[in-house]
Amino acid sequence: MKKWTLSLLAMLMLLLVGCNRSGVVRYELIGGDPEIDYIEFLNDSLCRFVAPGQLTLHSPYTRQGETYTVIIHGMIEARLHDYEPDKLIGEPPFFEGVWEKK
């Protein structure tokens, strides 16, 4: 791996570690395993979730009105919608089901 790539990865990790956890908004899938069936909105543009294969991903997202759009690997869009107070409903195939704020 090139030195600049390692430097970039190190800076990204420091940024992620430095995020203030007090601002994290966590949702868990109702009926799911809280260890893997969660999505955390870390700030107003970055979220964290566990993908298939138990790989934790950090992805950008946007919110327009009642819809959250998560961009996975820069090309796949997954959507969640406000459902009830403190609940989101996810569209298949990503985030399918009802997610409750914790």
N, C-alpha and C. Protein backbone atom coordinates (compact mmCIF):
# COMPACT_ATOMS: atom_id res chain seq x y z
N MET A 1 0.84 -1.17 0.00
CA MET A 1 0.00 0.00 0.00
C MET A 1 0.89 1.24 0.00
N LYS A 2 0.53 2.24 -0.74
CA LYS A 2 1.34 3.45 -0.83
C LYS A 2 1.24 4.26 0.46
N LYS A 3 2.29 5.05 0.72
CA LYS A 3 2.33 5.84 1.95
C LYS A 3 1.16 6.82 2.05
N TRP A 4 0.80 7.46 0.94
CA TRP A 4 -0.29 8.44 0.99
C TRP A 4 -1.62 7.77 1.31
N THR A 5 -1.79 6.53 0.85
CA THR A 5 -3.02 5.79 1.14
C THR A 5 -3.10 5.48 2.63
N LEU A 6 -1.98 5.04 3.20
CA LEU A 6 -1.95 4.75 4.63
C LEU A 6 -2.19 6.01 5.45
N SER A 7 -1.61 7.12 5.01
CA SER A 7 -1.82 8.39 5.71
C SER A 7 -3.28 8.80 5.66
N LEU A 8 -3.89 8.65 4.50
CA LEU A 8 -5.30 8.99 4.35
C LEU A 8 -6.17 8.11 5.24
N LEU A 9 -5.89 6.81 5.27
CA LEU A 9 -6.65 5.91 6.13
C LEU A 9 -6.47 6.26 7.61
N ALA A 10 -5.25 6.61 7.99
CA ALA A 10 -4.99 6.98 9.38
C ALA A 10 -5.76 8.24 9.76
N MET A 11 -5.78 9.23 8.86
CA MET A 11 -6.52 10.46 9.14
C MET A 11 -8.01 10.19 9.24
N LEU A 12 -8.53 9.32 8.37
CA LEU A 12 -9.95 8.97 8.42
C LEU A 12 -10.29 8.27 9.74
N MET A 13 -9.45 7.36 10.17
CA MET A 13 -9.71 6.65 11.43
C MET A 13 -9.68 7.63 12.61
N LEU A 14 -8.72 8.56 12.61
CA LEU A 14 -8.68 9.56 13.68
C LEU A 14 -9.94 10.41 13.69
N LEU A 15 -10.41 10.77 12.52
CA LEU A 15 -11.64 11.55 12.43
C LEU A 15 -12.82 10.76 13.00
N LEU A 16 -12.92 9.49 12.64
CA LEU A 16 -14.02 8.67 13.12
C LEU A 16 -13.94 8.43 14.62
N VAL A 17 -12.74 8.18 15.13
CA VAL A 17 -12.56 7.97 16.56
C VAL A 17 -12.85 9.25 17.32
N GLY A 18 -12.53 10.39 16.72
CA GLY A 18 -12.73 11.66 17.38
C GLY A 18 -14.17 12.14 17.40
N CYS A 19 -15.06 11.44 16.70
CA CYS A 19 -16.47 11.85 16.69
C CYS A 19 -17.02 11.80 18.11
N ASN A 20 -17.78 12.78 18.48
CA ASN A 20 -18.39 12.84 19.80
C ASN A 20 -19.57 11.88 19.85
N ARG A 21 -19.46 10.84 20.65
CA ARG A 21 -20.51 9.82 20.74
C ARG A 21 -21.81 10.39 21.30
N SER A 22 -21.77 11.52 21.99
CA SER A 22 -22.99 12.05 22.58
C SER A 22 -23.99 12.46 21.51
N GLY A 23 -23.51 12.75 20.29
CA GLY A 23 -24.41 13.15 19.22
C GLY A 23 -24.89 11.99 18.37
N VAL A 24 -24.49 10.76 18.69
CA VAL A 24 -24.86 9.59 17.91
C VAL A 24 -26.32 9.24 18.17
N VAL A 25 -27.05 9.02 17.08
CA VAL A 25 -28.44 8.58 17.19
C VAL A 25 -28.49 7.15 16.69
N ARG A 26 -28.89 6.22 17.56
CA ARG A 26 -28.86 4.80 17.25
C ARG A 26 -30.28 4.27 17.08
N TYR A 27 -30.48 3.48 16.02
CA TYR A 27 -31.72 2.76 15.78
C TYR A 27 -31.39 1.28 15.72
N GLU A 28 -32.26 0.45 16.29
CA GLU A 28 -32.10 -1.00 16.24
C GLU A 28 -33.32 -1.60 15.56
N LEU A 29 -33.09 -2.65 14.79
CA LEU A 29 -34.16 -3.35 14.09
C LEU A 29 -35.04 -4.06 15.11
N ILE A 30 -36.33 -3.81 15.08
CA ILE A 30 -37.25 -4.48 15.99
C ILE A 30 -37.24 -5.97 15.68
N GLY A 31 -36.98 -6.78 16.70
CA GLY A 31 -36.91 -8.23 16.53
C GLY A 31 -35.55 -8.72 16.06
N GLY A 32 -34.61 -7.80 15.87
CA GLY A 32 -33.28 -8.18 15.40
C GLY A 32 -32.29 -8.34 16.54
N ASP A 33 -31.06 -8.64 16.19
CA ASP A 33 -29.97 -8.77 17.16
C ASP A 33 -29.31 -7.40 17.30
N PRO A 34 -29.38 -6.77 18.48
CA PRO A 34 -28.84 -5.43 18.65
C PRO A 34 -27.34 -5.32 18.39
N GLU A 35 -26.63 -6.45 18.41
CA GLU A 35 -25.19 -6.43 18.14
C GLU A 35 -24.88 -6.20 16.66
N ILE A 36 -25.81 -6.60 15.78
CA ILE A 36 -25.55 -6.45 14.34
C ILE A 36 -26.66 -5.73 13.58
N ASP A 37 -27.85 -5.68 14.14
CA ASP A 37 -28.98 -5.06 13.44
C ASP A 37 -29.22 -3.66 13.98
N TYR A 38 -28.31 -2.75 13.63
CA TYR A 38 -28.41 -1.37 14.07
C TYR A 38 -27.92 -0.45 12.96
N ILE A 39 -28.32 0.79 13.07
CA ILE A 39 -27.77 1.86 12.25
C ILE A 39 -27.58 3.05 13.18
N GLU A 40 -26.38 3.63 13.14
CA GLU A 40 -26.06 4.78 13.97
C GLU A 40 -25.78 5.98 13.06
N PHE A 41 -26.49 7.06 13.30
CA PHE A 41 -26.26 8.30 12.60
C PHE A 41 -25.24 9.08 13.44
N LEU A 42 -24.00 9.14 12.95
CA LEU A 42 -22.90 9.70 13.72
C LEU A 42 -22.90 11.22 13.73
N ASN A 43 -23.37 11.80 12.65
CA ASN A 43 -23.50 13.25 12.55
C ASN A 43 -24.51 13.54 11.45
N ASP A 44 -24.48 14.70 10.86
CA ASP A 44 -25.50 15.03 9.87
C ASP A 44 -25.19 14.52 8.46
N SER A 45 -24.13 13.72 8.31
CA SER A 45 -23.81 13.20 6.98
C SER A 45 -23.15 11.83 6.96
N LEU A 46 -22.90 11.20 8.12
CA LEU A 46 -22.21 9.92 8.18
C LEU A 46 -22.95 8.96 9.11
N CYS A 47 -23.12 7.72 8.65
CA CYS A 47 -23.76 6.70 9.49
C CYS A 47 -22.90 5.44 9.52
N ARG A 48 -23.20 4.57 10.49
CA ARG A 48 -22.47 3.30 10.66
C ARG A 48 -23.50 2.20 10.82
N PHE A 49 -23.23 1.05 10.18
CA PHE A 49 -24.11 -0.10 10.28
C PHE A 49 -23.32 -1.36 9.96
N VAL A 50 -23.91 -2.51 10.23
CA VAL A 50 -23.26 -3.79 9.95
C VAL A 50 -23.87 -4.35 8.67
N ALA A 51 -23.01 -4.61 7.70
CA ALA A 51 -23.43 -5.16 6.41
C ALA A 51 -23.37 -6.69 6.48
N PRO A 52 -23.94 -7.37 5.49
CA PRO A 52 -23.83 -8.82 5.46
C PRO A 52 -22.36 -9.25 5.57
N GLY A 53 -22.14 -10.33 6.29
CA GLY A 53 -20.78 -10.80 6.55
C GLY A 53 -20.18 -10.14 7.78
N GLN A 54 -21.02 -9.44 8.53
CA GLN A 54 -20.65 -8.75 9.77
C GLN A 54 -19.53 -7.75 9.56
N LEU A 55 -19.57 -7.05 8.44
CA LEU A 55 -18.62 -5.99 8.13
C LEU A 55 -19.24 -4.66 8.53
N THR A 56 -18.59 -3.93 9.43
CA THR A 56 -19.08 -2.62 9.85
C THR A 56 -18.69 -1.59 8.80
N LEU A 57 -19.68 -0.88 8.28
CA LEU A 57 -19.45 0.12 7.25
C LEU A 57 -19.78 1.51 7.77
N HIS A 58 -19.04 2.49 7.30
CA HIS A 58 -19.34 3.90 7.51
C HIS A 58 -19.72 4.44 6.14
N SER A 59 -20.89 5.01 6.04
CA SER A 59 -21.39 5.50 4.75
C SER A 59 -21.98 6.89 4.90
N PRO A 60 -21.86 7.69 3.85
CA PRO A 60 -22.53 8.98 3.87
C PRO A 60 -24.03 8.80 3.70
N TYR A 61 -24.78 9.75 4.21
CA TYR A 61 -26.23 9.74 4.02
C TYR A 61 -26.72 11.17 3.89
N THR A 62 -27.90 11.29 3.33
CA THR A 62 -28.58 12.58 3.28
C THR A 62 -29.97 12.40 3.86
N ARG A 63 -30.54 13.50 4.29
CA ARG A 63 -31.92 13.47 4.77
C ARG A 63 -32.68 14.58 4.07
N GLN A 64 -33.76 14.19 3.41
CA GLN A 64 -34.64 15.15 2.78
C GLN A 64 -36.04 14.86 3.28
N GLY A 65 -36.57 15.81 4.04
CA GLY A 65 -37.90 15.61 4.61
C GLY A 65 -37.90 14.42 5.55
N GLU A 66 -38.71 13.43 5.23
CA GLU A 66 -38.85 12.23 6.08
C GLU A 66 -38.03 11.05 5.57
N THR A 67 -37.16 11.27 4.58
CA THR A 67 -36.42 10.18 3.97
C THR A 67 -34.92 10.31 4.19
N TYR A 68 -34.31 9.23 4.71
CA TYR A 68 -32.86 9.12 4.82
C TYR A 68 -32.39 8.28 3.63
N THR A 69 -31.39 8.75 2.91
CA THR A 69 -30.81 7.99 1.81
C THR A 69 -29.35 7.70 2.16
N VAL A 70 -29.03 6.41 2.35
CA VAL A 70 -27.68 5.98 2.69
C VAL A 70 -27.00 5.54 1.40
N ILE A 71 -25.80 6.07 1.15
CA ILE A 71 -25.04 5.73 -0.04
C ILE A 71 -24.02 4.65 0.35
N ILE A 72 -24.22 3.44 -0.15
CA ILE A 72 -23.36 2.31 0.20
C ILE A 72 -22.34 2.10 -0.92
N HIS A 73 -21.07 2.14 -0.57
CA HIS A 73 -19.95 1.97 -1.52
C HIS A 73 -20.01 2.97 -2.67
N GLY A 74 -20.58 4.13 -2.42
CA GLY A 74 -20.59 5.20 -3.41
C GLY A 74 -21.51 4.99 -4.59
N MET A 75 -22.28 3.88 -4.61
CA MET A 75 -23.11 3.64 -5.79
C MET A 75 -24.48 3.06 -5.50
N ILE A 76 -24.70 2.52 -4.33
CA ILE A 76 -25.98 1.89 -4.00
C ILE A 76 -26.72 2.80 -3.02
N GLU A 77 -27.98 3.08 -3.31
CA GLU A 77 -28.78 3.90 -2.41
C GLU A 77 -29.77 3.03 -1.64
N ALA A 78 -29.76 3.18 -0.33
CA ALA A 78 -30.70 2.48 0.54
C ALA A 78 -31.51 3.55 1.28
N ARG A 79 -32.80 3.31 1.44
CA ARG A 79 -33.65 4.35 2.03
C ARG A 79 -34.38 3.87 3.28
N LEU A 80 -34.50 4.81 4.21
CA LEU A 80 -35.32 4.64 5.40
C LEU A 80 -36.22 5.86 5.48
N HIS A 81 -37.41 5.66 6.02
CA HIS A 81 -38.40 6.74 6.11
C HIS A 81 -38.90 6.87 7.55
N ASP A 82 -39.17 8.12 7.96
CA ASP A 82 -39.82 8.32 9.26
C ASP A 82 -41.13 7.55 9.24
N TYR A 83 -41.37 6.80 10.29
CA TYR A 83 -42.55 5.92 10.35
C TYR A 83 -43.50 6.38 11.44
N GLU A 84 -43.00 6.50 12.61
CA GLU A 84 -43.70 7.00 13.80
C GLU A 84 -42.65 7.76 14.59
N PRO A 85 -43.05 8.48 15.63
CA PRO A 85 -42.01 9.11 16.45
C PRO A 85 -41.01 8.04 16.94
N ASP A 86 -39.75 8.31 16.73
CA ASP A 86 -38.65 7.43 17.15
C ASP A 86 -38.62 6.09 16.42
N LYS A 87 -39.23 6.01 15.24
CA LYS A 87 -39.16 4.79 14.43
C LYS A 87 -38.95 5.13 12.97
N LEU A 88 -38.17 4.28 12.30
CA LEU A 88 -37.95 4.38 10.87
C LEU A 88 -38.39 3.08 10.23
N ILE A 89 -38.80 3.15 8.97
CA ILE A 89 -39.10 1.93 8.22
C ILE A 89 -38.17 1.91 7.01
N GLY A 90 -37.49 0.78 6.84
CA GLY A 90 -36.52 0.64 5.76
C GLY A 90 -37.09 -0.06 4.55
N GLU A 91 -36.63 0.37 3.38
CA GLU A 91 -37.05 -0.26 2.12
C GLU A 91 -36.20 -1.51 1.88
N PRO A 92 -36.81 -2.55 1.29
CA PRO A 92 -36.02 -3.71 0.89
C PRO A 92 -35.10 -3.34 -0.26
N PRO A 93 -33.99 -3.99 -0.47
CA PRO A 93 -33.46 -5.11 0.31
C PRO A 93 -32.57 -4.67 1.46
N PHE A 94 -32.20 -3.38 1.53
CA PHE A 94 -31.34 -2.90 2.61
C PHE A 94 -32.21 -2.27 3.69
N PHE A 95 -31.87 -2.54 4.93
CA PHE A 95 -32.56 -1.94 6.08
C PHE A 95 -34.04 -2.28 6.12
N GLU A 96 -34.44 -3.39 5.53
CA GLU A 96 -35.85 -3.79 5.51
C GLU A 96 -36.35 -4.02 6.93
N GLY A 97 -37.50 -3.45 7.25
CA GLY A 97 -38.11 -3.64 8.55
C GLY A 97 -38.29 -2.32 9.28
N VAL A 98 -38.70 -2.41 10.53
CA VAL A 98 -38.95 -1.24 11.37
C VAL A 98 -37.80 -1.10 12.36
N TRP A 99 -37.26 0.10 12.46
CA TRP A 99 -36.11 0.40 13.30
C TRP A 99 -36.56 1.37 14.39
N GLU A 100 -36.18 1.06 15.63
CA GLU A 100 -36.59 1.86 16.78
C GLU A 100 -35.40 2.61 17.37
N LYS A 101 -35.61 3.88 17.69
CA LYS A 101 -34.56 4.71 18.28
C LYS A 101 -34.26 4.23 19.70
N LYS A 102 -33.00 4.12 20.01
CA LYS A 102 -32.56 3.67 21.35
C LYS A 102 -31.88 4.79 22.09
